[in-house]
């Protein structure tokens, strides 16, 4: 083996470093000639393609359905509960659950049908959202007729807008009582008298018809003894004042059609402030409207 001079060794190492630096510079895209960059890029090794992982039996991205199992109970479980769990049938699959829910839904748009996946049997159908509209509306249901009454506005303008119709015999008796007992009162006062008459019809203490209540106690050829004074005072029952008669008929129509009874709070009796009958002390006064005091039995 021949030993080389020190100077010669330094020259060779320097030359080697320069050659290596030149190769690195030429291999760098940043310091390379723009005309040669495409060649440099072509010569670069291509990265290895990334292969997505797949599960056994998987095809594409559609995974086989898993059965819905009952949740496991942590801790100790007695033999009775364990036996009941073992005796339960196998849980339903997702398609079976969806099929059981399908009668509860209906298509919201005509011509729209569920989209089904075609990757193998047993794949869960994927219906669009718009096809599962609920059968039952979220709006509140209408209350029963017996619990809901027509809202009444106690003013002449509202009353004039009520479409008038021919009255029945019972409604005519109500209009006659309103006219003779309260035509000088306000609209509220006339509605209040109508309420008392209808409250009596609903009560077991009085006749079960409007005409029976209005003419209770009437005897041929006898003056007095009636529940309503006009019925046996000997005067004509004709509705002479057309304006007052029109109001009385409309009030009778509205109340017969189910008008709300909120003025008298279930009163069955009334009298004017000009008198003080002895029976008034036995009942509870509910309200005072105009020239009338109203009582509940």
C-alpha atoms as a PDB file:
ATOM      1  CA  UNK A   1       0.000   0.000   0.000  1.00  0.00           C
ATOM      2  CA  UNK A   2       1.389   3.408  -1.038  1.00  0.00           C
ATOM      3  CA  UNK A   3       0.777   6.397   1.145  1.00  0.00           C
ATOM      4  CA  UNK A   4      -0.363   9.518  -0.718  1.00  0.00           C
ATOM      5  CA  UNK A   5       0.962  12.956   0.051  1.00  0.00           C
ATOM      6  CA  UNK A   6      -1.194  15.121   2.232  1.00  0.00           C
ATOM      7  CA  UNK A   7      -1.559  17.827  -0.425  1.00  0.00           C
ATOM      8  CA  UNK A   8      -2.751  15.321  -3.009  1.00  0.00           C
ATOM      9  CA  UNK A   9      -5.401  13.993  -0.612  1.00  0.00           C
ATOM     10  CA  UNK A  10      -6.750  17.468   0.004  1.00  0.00           C
ATOM     11  CA  UNK A  11      -7.064  18.129  -3.764  1.00  0.00           C
ATOM     12  CA  UNK A  12      -9.011  14.924  -4.330  1.00  0.00           C
ATOM     13  CA  UNK A  13     -11.408  15.655  -1.458  1.00  0.00           C
ATOM     14  CA  UNK A  14     -11.988  19.195  -2.728  1.00  0.00           C
ATOM     15  CA  UNK A  15     -12.649  17.945  -6.226  1.00  0.00           C
ATOM     16  CA  UNK A  16     -15.103  15.351  -4.907  1.00  0.00           C
ATOM     17  CA  UNK A  17     -17.011  17.988  -2.934  1.00  0.00           C
ATOM     18  CA  UNK A  18     -17.300  20.258  -5.978  1.00  0.00           C
ATOM     19  CA  UNK A  19     -18.646  17.429  -8.138  1.00  0.00           C
ATOM     20  CA  UNK A  20     -21.186  16.452  -5.490  1.00  0.00           C
ATOM     21  CA  UNK A  21     -22.264  20.075  -5.016  1.00  0.00           C
ATOM     22  CA  UNK A  22     -22.709  20.413  -8.762  1.00  0.00           C
ATOM     23  CA  UNK A  23     -24.893  17.354  -8.941  1.00  0.00           C
ATOM     24  CA  UNK A  24     -27.054  18.629  -6.067  1.00  0.00           C
ATOM     25  CA  UNK A  25     -27.383  22.052  -7.645  1.00  0.00           C
ATOM     26  CA  UNK A  26     -28.358  20.563 -10.999  1.00  0.00           C
ATOM     27  CA  UNK A  27     -30.838  18.255  -9.263  1.00  0.00           C
ATOM     28  CA  UNK A  28     -32.541  21.157  -7.461  1.00  0.00           C
ATOM     29  CA  UNK A  29     -35.472  22.645  -9.306  1.00  0.00           C
ATOM     30  CA  UNK A  30     -34.868  26.003  -7.677  1.00  0.00           C
ATOM     31  CA  UNK A  31     -31.337  26.396  -9.102  1.00  0.00           C
ATOM     32  CA  UNK A  32     -31.874  24.525 -12.350  1.00  0.00           C
ATOM     33  CA  UNK A  33     -32.158  26.053 -15.765  1.00  0.00           C
ATOM     34  CA  UNK A  34     -35.833  26.793 -16.600  1.00  0.00           C
ATOM     35  CA  UNK A  35     -35.362  25.059 -19.953  1.00  0.00           C
ATOM     36  CA  UNK A  36     -34.323  21.848 -18.220  1.00  0.00           C
ATOM     37  CA  UNK A  37     -36.956  21.835 -15.429  1.00  0.00           C
ATOM     38  CA  UNK A  38     -39.380  19.595 -17.312  1.00  0.00           C
ATOM     39  CA  UNK A  39     -36.662  17.062 -17.811  1.00  0.00           C
ATOM     40  CA  UNK A  40     -35.797  17.203 -14.138  1.00  0.00           C
ATOM     41  CA  UNK A  41     -39.439  16.683 -13.179  1.00  0.00           C
ATOM     42  CA  UNK A  42     -39.811  13.781 -15.567  1.00  0.00           C
ATOM     43  CA  UNK A  43     -36.774  12.077 -14.123  1.00  0.00           C
ATOM     44  CA  UNK A  44     -38.092  12.415 -10.560  1.00  0.00           C
ATOM     45  CA  UNK A  45     -39.402   9.123  -9.177  1.00  0.00           C
ATOM     46  CA  UNK A  46     -43.218   8.925  -9.102  1.00  0.00           C
ATOM     47  CA  UNK A  47     -44.718   8.523  -5.604  1.00  0.00           C
ATOM     48  CA  UNK A  48     -46.267   5.215  -4.761  1.00  0.00           C
ATOM     49  CA  UNK A  49     -50.041   5.212  -5.185  1.00  0.00           C
ATOM     50  CA  UNK A  50     -52.020   5.149  -1.944  1.00  0.00           C
ATOM     51  CA  UNK A  51     -54.298   2.152  -1.775  1.00  0.00           C
ATOM     52  CA  UNK A  52     -57.440   2.603   0.346  1.00  0.00           C
ATOM     53  CA  UNK A  53     -58.057   0.006   2.998  1.00  0.00           C
ATOM     54  CA  UNK A  54     -61.073  -2.254   2.572  1.00  0.00           C
ATOM     55  CA  UNK A  55     -62.913  -4.615   4.844  1.00  0.00           C
ATOM     56  CA  UNK A  56     -63.498  -8.267   4.012  1.00  0.00           C
ATOM     57  CA  UNK A  57     -66.565  -8.653   1.848  1.00  0.00           C
ATOM     58  CA  UNK A  58     -66.707  -4.916   1.168  1.00  0.00           C
ATOM     59  CA  UNK A  59     -67.527  -3.724  -2.343  1.00  0.00           C
ATOM     60  CA  UNK A  60     -66.912  -0.091  -3.015  1.00  0.00           C
ATOM     61  CA  UNK A  61     -68.148   2.109  -0.193  1.00  0.00           C
ATOM     62  CA  UNK A  62     -71.379   0.211   0.568  1.00  0.00           C
ATOM     63  CA  UNK A  63     -70.792  -1.777   3.728  1.00  0.00           C
ATOM     64  CA  UNK A  64     -72.918  -4.825   4.541  1.00  0.00           C
ATOM     65  CA  UNK A  65     -75.691  -4.101   7.028  1.00  0.00           C
ATOM     66  CA  UNK A  66     -75.166  -4.910  10.647  1.00  0.00           C
ATOM     67  CA  UNK A  67     -78.037  -6.173  12.726  1.00  0.00           C
ATOM     68  CA  UNK A  68     -79.288  -3.931  15.487  1.00  0.00           C
ATOM     69  CA  UNK A  69     -78.466  -5.724  18.717  1.00  0.00           C
ATOM     70  CA  UNK A  70     -79.861  -4.977  22.138  1.00  0.00           C
ATOM     71  CA  UNK A  71     -77.528  -2.896  24.326  1.00  0.00           C
ATOM     72  CA  UNK A  72     -75.483  -4.891  26.792  1.00  0.00           C
ATOM     73  CA  UNK A  73     -76.128  -4.289  30.468  1.00  0.00           C
ATOM     74  CA  UNK A  74     -73.006  -3.746  32.469  1.00  0.00           C
ATOM     75  CA  UNK A  75     -72.619  -5.386  35.827  1.00  0.00           C
ATOM     76  CA  UNK A  76     -74.267  -8.431  37.289  1.00  0.00           C
ATOM     77  CA  UNK A  77     -77.358  -9.875  35.641  1.00  0.00           C
ATOM     78  CA  UNK A  78     -79.592 -12.430  37.270  1.00  0.00           C
ATOM     79  CA  UNK A  79     -80.565 -15.668  35.600  1.00  0.00           C
ATOM     80  CA  UNK A  80     -84.155 -14.565  34.914  1.00  0.00           C
ATOM     81  CA  UNK A  81     -83.098 -11.468  33.003  1.00  0.00           C
ATOM     82  CA  UNK A  82     -80.415 -13.425  31.141  1.00  0.00           C
ATOM     83  CA  UNK A  83     -82.918 -16.109  30.131  1.00  0.00           C
ATOM     84  CA  UNK A  84     -85.390 -13.449  28.913  1.00  0.00           C
ATOM     85  CA  UNK A  85     -82.661 -11.880  26.795  1.00  0.00           C
ATOM     86  CA  UNK A  86     -81.681 -15.224  25.284  1.00  0.00           C
ATOM     87  CA  UNK A  87     -85.319 -16.074  24.465  1.00  0.00           C
ATOM     88  CA  UNK A  88     -85.887 -12.824  22.534  1.00  0.00           C
ATOM     89  CA  UNK A  89     -85.994 -13.228  18.731  1.00  0.00           C
ATOM     90  CA  UNK A  90     -83.219 -11.913  16.601  1.00  0.00           C
ATOM     91  CA  UNK A  91     -83.331  -8.131  16.198  1.00  0.00           C
ATOM     92  CA  UNK A  92     -84.877  -6.751  13.073  1.00  0.00           C
ATOM     93  CA  UNK A  93     -82.690  -5.427  10.319  1.00  0.00           C
ATOM     94  CA  UNK A  94     -82.800  -1.862   9.109  1.00  0.00           C
ATOM     95  CA  UNK A  95     -84.928  -2.666   6.007  1.00  0.00           C
ATOM     96  CA  UNK A  96     -87.494  -4.453   8.193  1.00  0.00           C
ATOM     97  CA  UNK A  97     -87.666  -1.475  10.581  1.00  0.00           C
ATOM     98  CA  UNK A  98     -88.111   0.934   7.686  1.00  0.00           C
ATOM     99  CA  UNK A  99     -90.824  -1.299   6.208  1.00  0.00           C
ATOM    100  CA  UNK A 100     -92.699  -1.265   9.516  1.00  0.00           C
ATOM    101  CA  UNK A 101     -92.547   2.517   9.601  1.00  0.00           C
ATOM    102  CA  UNK A 102     -93.564   2.980   5.974  1.00  0.00           C
ATOM    103  CA  UNK A 103     -97.358   2.905   6.665  1.00  0.00           C
ATOM    104  CA  UNK A 104     -96.827   5.938   8.913  1.00  0.00           C
ATOM    105  CA  UNK A 105     -95.431   8.021   6.076  1.00  0.00           C
ATOM    106  CA  UNK A 106     -96.727   9.116   2.728  1.00  0.00           C
ATOM    107  CA  UNK A 107     -95.106  10.781  -0.294  1.00  0.00           C
ATOM    108  CA  UNK A 108     -95.121  14.551   0.063  1.00  0.00           C
ATOM    109  CA  UNK A 109     -94.637  15.087  -3.677  1.00  0.00           C
ATOM    110  CA  UNK A 110     -96.375  13.176  -6.444  1.00  0.00           C
ATOM    111  CA  UNK A 111     -94.115  11.154  -8.693  1.00  0.00           C
ATOM    112  CA  UNK A 112     -91.312  10.824  -6.117  1.00  0.00           C
ATOM    113  CA  UNK A 113     -90.298   7.301  -5.172  1.00  0.00           C
ATOM    114  CA  UNK A 114     -87.622   5.976  -2.759  1.00  0.00           C
ATOM    115  CA  UNK A 115     -84.119   5.433  -4.133  1.00  0.00           C
ATOM    116  CA  UNK A 116     -82.819   1.899  -3.582  1.00  0.00           C
ATOM    117  CA  UNK A 117     -79.181   0.889  -3.451  1.00  0.00           C
ATOM    118  CA  UNK A 118     -78.312  -1.882  -5.960  1.00  0.00           C
ATOM    119  CA  UNK A 119     -75.105  -3.121  -4.349  1.00  0.00           C
ATOM    120  CA  UNK A 120     -76.182  -6.556  -3.249  1.00  0.00           C
ATOM    121  CA  UNK A 121     -79.245  -7.904  -1.506  1.00  0.00           C
ATOM    122  CA  UNK A 122     -80.254  -6.700   1.910  1.00  0.00           C
ATOM    123  CA  UNK A 123     -78.954  -3.184   1.435  1.00  0.00           C
ATOM    124  CA  UNK A 124     -81.042  -0.603   3.214  1.00  0.00           C
ATOM    125  CA  UNK A 125     -83.198   1.560   0.887  1.00  0.00           C
ATOM    126  CA  UNK A 126     -82.408   5.256   1.027  1.00  0.00           C
ATOM    127  CA  UNK A 127     -85.654   7.214   0.533  1.00  0.00           C
ATOM    128  CA  UNK A 128     -85.357  10.956  -0.041  1.00  0.00           C
ATOM    129  CA  UNK A 129     -86.365  13.194   2.843  1.00  0.00           C
ATOM    130  CA  UNK A 130     -89.392  14.647   1.047  1.00  0.00           C
ATOM    131  CA  UNK A 131     -91.043  11.228   0.752  1.00  0.00           C
ATOM    132  CA  UNK A 132     -91.461  10.794   4.509  1.00  0.00           C
ATOM    133  CA  UNK A 133     -93.979  13.551   5.240  1.00  0.00           C
ATOM    134  CA  UNK A 134     -96.078  12.839   8.354  1.00  0.00           C
ATOM    135  CA  UNK A 135     -99.687  11.772   7.929  1.00  0.00           C
ATOM    136  CA  UNK A 136    -100.832  13.921  10.850  1.00  0.00           C
ATOM    137  CA  UNK A 137    -100.570  17.690  10.681  1.00  0.00           C
ATOM    138  CA  UNK A 138     -98.779  19.566  13.445  1.00  0.00           C
ATOM    139  CA  UNK A 139    -101.578  22.082  13.603  1.00  0.00           C
ATOM    140  CA  UNK A 140    -103.718  21.872  16.759  1.00  0.00           C
ATOM    141  CA  UNK A 141    -106.961  19.999  16.330  1.00  0.00           C
ATOM    142  CA  UNK A 142    -110.265  21.832  16.343  1.00  0.00           C
ATOM    143  CA  UNK A 143    -111.958  21.729  19.717  1.00  0.00           C
ATOM    144  CA  UNK A 144    -115.235  19.821  19.985  1.00  0.00           C
ATOM    145  CA  UNK A 145    -118.354  21.794  19.128  1.00  0.00           C
ATOM    146  CA  UNK A 146    -119.599  21.581  22.698  1.00  0.00           C
ATOM    147  CA  UNK A 147    -116.463  23.322  24.043  1.00  0.00           C
ATOM    148  CA  UNK A 148    -116.124  26.093  21.532  1.00  0.00           C
ATOM    149  CA  UNK A 149    -118.606  28.948  21.051  1.00  0.00           C
ATOM    150  CA  UNK A 150    -118.760  31.684  18.514  1.00  0.00           C
ATOM    151  CA  UNK A 151    -116.899  34.828  19.587  1.00  0.00           C
ATOM    152  CA  UNK A 152    -119.233  37.795  20.010  1.00  0.00           C
ATOM    153  CA  UNK A 153    -118.351  41.483  19.669  1.00  0.00           C
ATOM    154  CA  UNK A 154    -120.736  43.685  21.592  1.00  0.00           C
ATOM    155  CA  UNK A 155    -121.099  46.605  19.201  1.00  0.00           C
ATOM    156  CA  UNK A 156    -123.606  47.693  16.579  1.00  0.00           C
ATOM    157  CA  UNK A 157    -121.136  47.662  13.683  1.00  0.00           C
ATOM    158  CA  UNK A 158    -120.270  43.996  14.226  1.00  0.00           C
ATOM    159  CA  UNK A 159    -123.939  43.132  14.689  1.00  0.00           C
ATOM    160  CA  UNK A 160    -124.897  44.839  11.413  1.00  0.00           C
ATOM    161  CA  UNK A 161    -122.388  42.667   9.565  1.00  0.00           C
ATOM    162  CA  UNK A 162    -124.094  39.479  10.742  1.00  0.00           C
ATOM    163  CA  UNK A 163    -125.936  37.928   7.795  1.00  0.00           C
ATOM    164  CA  UNK A 164    -129.581  37.947   8.896  1.00  0.00           C
ATOM    165  CA  UNK A 165    -131.838  34.979   8.169  1.00  0.00           C
ATOM    166  CA  UNK A 166    -135.384  33.898   8.960  1.00  0.00           C
ATOM    167  CA  UNK A 167    -135.758  32.893  12.602  1.00  0.00           C
ATOM    168  CA  UNK A 168    -137.265  29.667  13.825  1.00  0.00           C
ATOM    169  CA  UNK A 169    -140.134  29.613  16.324  1.00  0.00           C
ATOM    170  CA  UNK A 170    -137.753  29.206  19.264  1.00  0.00           C
ATOM    171  CA  UNK A 171    -135.476  31.978  18.033  1.00  0.00           C
ATOM    172  CA  UNK A 172    -138.490  34.260  17.560  1.00  0.00           C
ATOM    173  CA  UNK A 173    -139.448  33.710  21.222  1.00  0.00           C
ATOM    174  CA  UNK A 174    -135.918  34.727  22.217  1.00  0.00           C
ATOM    175  CA  UNK A 175    -136.017  37.860  20.043  1.00  0.00           C
ATOM    176  CA  UNK A 176    -139.385  38.844  21.543  1.00  0.00           C
ATOM    177  CA  UNK A 177    -138.041  38.537  25.089  1.00  0.00           C
ATOM    178  CA  UNK A 178    -134.924  40.552  24.236  1.00  0.00           C
ATOM    179  CA  UNK A 179    -137.014  43.287  22.644  1.00  0.00           C
ATOM    180  CA  UNK A 180    -139.504  43.702  25.481  1.00  0.00           C
ATOM    181  CA  UNK A 181    -137.144  43.136  28.398  1.00  0.00           C
ATOM    182  CA  UNK A 182    -134.042  45.030  27.259  1.00  0.00           C
ATOM    183  CA  UNK A 183    -134.522  47.084  24.078  1.00  0.00           C
ATOM    184  CA  UNK A 184    -133.617  50.226  26.055  1.00  0.00           C
ATOM    185  CA  UNK A 185    -130.323  48.676  27.190  1.00  0.00           C
ATOM    186  CA  UNK A 186    -126.954  48.706  25.475  1.00  0.00           C
ATOM    187  CA  UNK A 187    -125.902  45.899  23.126  1.00  0.00           C
ATOM    188  CA  UNK A 188    -124.153  44.220  26.063  1.00  0.00           C
ATOM    189  CA  UNK A 189    -127.267  44.512  28.186  1.00  0.00           C
ATOM    190  CA  UNK A 190    -129.430  42.883  25.521  1.00  0.00           C
ATOM    191  CA  UNK A 191    -126.931  40.049  25.044  1.00  0.00           C
ATOM    192  CA  UNK A 192    -126.932  39.535  28.828  1.00  0.00           C
ATOM    193  CA  UNK A 193    -130.716  38.997  28.907  1.00  0.00           C
ATOM    194  CA  UNK A 194    -130.370  36.487  26.065  1.00  0.00           C
ATOM    195  CA  UNK A 195    -127.714  34.647  28.094  1.00  0.00           C
ATOM    196  CA  UNK A 196    -130.040  34.301  31.089  1.00  0.00           C
ATOM    197  CA  UNK A 197    -132.785  32.792  28.931  1.00  0.00           C
ATOM    198  CA  UNK A 198    -130.418  30.273  27.331  1.00  0.00           C
ATOM    199  CA  UNK A 199    -128.863  29.446  30.705  1.00  0.00           C
ATOM    200  CA  UNK A 200    -132.332  28.581  31.950  1.00  0.00           C
ATOM    201  CA  UNK A 201    -132.905  26.303  28.973  1.00  0.00           C
ATOM    202  CA  UNK A 202    -129.759  24.395  29.963  1.00  0.00           C
ATOM    203  CA  UNK A 203    -130.776  24.213  33.630  1.00  0.00           C
ATOM    204  CA  UNK A 204    -132.959  21.434  35.018  1.00  0.00           C
ATOM    205  CA  UNK A 205    -134.854  23.968  37.117  1.00  0.00           C
ATOM    206  CA  UNK A 206    -136.588  25.428  34.044  1.00  0.00           C
ATOM    207  CA  UNK A 207    -138.250  24.203  30.826  1.00  0.00           C
ATOM    208  CA  UNK A 208    -135.923  22.776  28.203  1.00  0.00           C
ATOM    209  CA  UNK A 209    -136.981  25.069  25.330  1.00  0.00           C
ATOM    210  CA  UNK A 210    -136.664  28.803  24.717  1.00  0.00           C
ATOM    211  CA  UNK A 211    -140.390  29.394  24.313  1.00  0.00           C
ATOM    212  CA  UNK A 212    -141.057  27.291  27.423  1.00  0.00           C
ATOM    213  CA  UNK A 213    -138.682  29.483  29.459  1.00  0.00           C
ATOM    214  CA  UNK A 214    -139.987  32.780  28.061  1.00  0.00           C
ATOM    215  CA  UNK A 215    -143.666  31.952  28.649  1.00  0.00           C
ATOM    216  CA  UNK A 216    -143.281  29.973  31.881  1.00  0.00           C
ATOM    217  CA  UNK A 217    -146.169  30.706  34.267  1.00  0.00           C
ATOM    218  CA  UNK A 218    -148.485  32.152  31.614  1.00  0.00           C
ATOM    219  CA  UNK A 219    -152.138  31.291  32.140  1.00  0.00           C
ATOM    220  CA  UNK A 220    -154.947  32.292  29.820  1.00  0.00           C
ATOM    221  CA  UNK A 221    -156.945  35.247  31.116  1.00  0.00           C
ATOM    222  CA  UNK A 222    -154.606  35.869  34.062  1.00  0.00           C
ATOM    223  CA  UNK A 223    -152.338  38.877  34.479  1.00  0.00           C
ATOM    224  CA  UNK A 224    -149.136  38.361  36.421  1.00  0.00           C
ATOM    225  CA  UNK A 225    -147.414  35.282  37.738  1.00  0.00           C
ATOM    226  CA  UNK A 226    -145.024  35.050  34.748  1.00  0.00           C
ATOM    227  CA  UNK A 227    -141.269  34.802  34.809  1.00  0.00           C
ATOM    228  CA  UNK A 228    -141.063  37.686  32.308  1.00  0.00           C
ATOM    229  CA  UNK A 229    -143.547  40.505  32.901  1.00  0.00           C
ATOM    230  CA  UNK A 230    -144.200  41.290  29.223  1.00  0.00           C
ATOM    231  CA  UNK A 231    -145.645  37.769  28.735  1.00  0.00           C
ATOM    232  CA  UNK A 232    -148.684  38.416  30.942  1.00  0.00           C
ATOM    233  CA  UNK A 233    -149.081  42.170  31.371  1.00  0.00           C
ATOM    234  CA  UNK A 234    -151.893  42.384  28.835  1.00  0.00           C
ATOM    235  CA  UNK A 235    -149.962  44.546  26.355  1.00  0.00           C
ATOM    236  CA  UNK A 236    -149.213  43.716  22.715  1.00  0.00           C
ATOM    237  CA  UNK A 237    -146.119  41.639  22.033  1.00  0.00           C
ATOM    238  CA  UNK A 238    -145.574  43.124  18.561  1.00  0.00           C
ATOM    239  CA  UNK A 239    -142.068  44.432  17.829  1.00  0.00           C
ATOM    240  CA  UNK A 240    -143.183  47.944  16.839  1.00  0.00           C
ATOM    241  CA  UNK A 241    -139.788  49.627  16.739  1.00  0.00           C
ATOM    242  CA  UNK A 242    -138.095  48.366  13.581  1.00  0.00           C
ATOM    243  CA  UNK A 243    -134.556  49.327  14.561  1.00  0.00           C
ATOM    244  CA  UNK A 244    -134.832  47.707  18.005  1.00  0.00           C
ATOM    245  CA  UNK A 245    -136.563  44.665  16.501  1.00  0.00           C
ATOM    246  CA  UNK A 246    -133.738  44.247  13.960  1.00  0.00           C
ATOM    247  CA  UNK A 247    -131.144  44.284  16.760  1.00  0.00           C
ATOM    248  CA  UNK A 248    -133.141  41.839  18.899  1.00  0.00           C
ATOM    249  CA  UNK A 249    -133.516  39.402  15.994  1.00  0.00           C
ATOM    250  CA  UNK A 250    -129.795  39.472  15.191  1.00  0.00           C
ATOM    251  CA  UNK A 251    -128.864  38.935  18.834  1.00  0.00           C
ATOM    252  CA  UNK A 252    -131.296  36.008  19.032  1.00  0.00           C
ATOM    253  CA  UNK A 253    -129.773  34.540  15.863  1.00  0.00           C
ATOM    254  CA  UNK A 254    -126.182  34.895  17.087  1.00  0.00           C
ATOM    255  CA  UNK A 255    -126.914  33.390  20.497  1.00  0.00           C
ATOM    256  CA  UNK A 256    -128.956  30.529  19.044  1.00  0.00           C
ATOM    257  CA  UNK A 257    -126.046  29.732  16.736  1.00  0.00           C
ATOM    258  CA  UNK A 258    -123.754  29.235  19.747  1.00  0.00           C
ATOM    259  CA  UNK A 259    -122.693  32.730  20.743  1.00  0.00           C
ATOM    260  CA  UNK A 260    -120.303  32.936  23.659  1.00  0.00           C
ATOM    261  CA  UNK A 261    -121.916  33.427  27.086  1.00  0.00           C
ATOM    262  CA  UNK A 262    -119.283  35.334  29.007  1.00  0.00           C
ATOM    263  CA  UNK A 263    -121.190  38.356  30.323  1.00  0.00           C
ATOM    264  CA  UNK A 264    -123.356  37.014  33.144  1.00  0.00           C
ATOM    265  CA  UNK A 265    -121.170  34.156  34.415  1.00  0.00           C
ATOM    266  CA  UNK A 266    -123.968  31.615  34.333  1.00  0.00           C
ATOM    267  CA  UNK A 267    -126.713  33.840  35.754  1.00  0.00           C
ATOM    268  CA  UNK A 268    -130.272  32.474  35.908  1.00  0.00           C
ATOM    269  CA  UNK A 269    -132.064  35.558  37.282  1.00  0.00           C
ATOM    270  CA  UNK A 270    -132.053  39.314  36.791  1.00  0.00           C
ATOM    271  CA  UNK A 271    -134.063  42.367  37.817  1.00  0.00           C
ATOM    272  CA  UNK A 272    -133.860  46.106  37.279  1.00  0.00           C
ATOM    273  CA  UNK A 273    -132.192  48.443  39.732  1.00  0.00           C
ATOM    274  CA  UNK A 274    -135.567  50.110  40.287  1.00  0.00           C
ATOM    275  CA  UNK A 275    -136.857  47.185  42.351  1.00  0.00           C
ATOM    276  CA  UNK A 276    -135.564  45.059  45.217  1.00  0.00           C
ATOM    277  CA  UNK A 277    -137.292  41.640  45.113  1.00  0.00           C
ATOM    278  CA  UNK A 278    -137.036  39.460  48.250  1.00  0.00           C
ATOM    279  CA  UNK A 279    -135.606  36.515  46.347  1.00  0.00           C
ATOM    280  CA  UNK A 280    -132.489  38.509  45.390  1.00  0.00           C
ATOM    281  CA  UNK A 281    -130.965  38.005  48.847  1.00  0.00           C
ATOM    282  CA  UNK A 282    -130.993  34.226  48.427  1.00  0.00           C
ATOM    283  CA  UNK A 283    -128.817  34.219  45.290  1.00  0.00           C
ATOM    284  CA  UNK A 284    -125.310  35.283  44.415  1.00  0.00           C
ATOM    285  CA  UNK A 285    -124.962  38.399  42.310  1.00  0.00           C
ATOM    286  CA  UNK A 286    -122.646  37.814  39.350  1.00  0.00           C
ATOM    287  CA  UNK A 287    -122.576  41.170  37.556  1.00  0.00           C
ATOM    288  CA  UNK A 288    -124.257  44.518  37.005  1.00  0.00           C
ATOM    289  CA  UNK A 289    -124.846  45.597  33.403  1.00  0.00           C
ATOM    290  CA  UNK A 290    -126.780  48.761  32.655  1.00  0.00           C
ATOM    291  CA  UNK A 291    -130.034  48.839  34.592  1.00  0.00           C
ATOM    292  CA  UNK A 292    -130.027  45.110  35.403  1.00  0.00           C
ATOM    293  CA  UNK A 293    -128.497  43.070  38.211  1.00  0.00           C
ATOM    294  CA  UNK A 294    -127.754  39.416  37.457  1.00  0.00           C
ATOM    295  CA  UNK A 295    -127.743  36.484  39.898  1.00  0.00           C
ATOM    296  CA  UNK A 296    -126.713  32.847  39.944  1.00  0.00           C
ATOM    297  CA  UNK A 297    -128.810  30.338  41.868  1.00  0.00           C
END
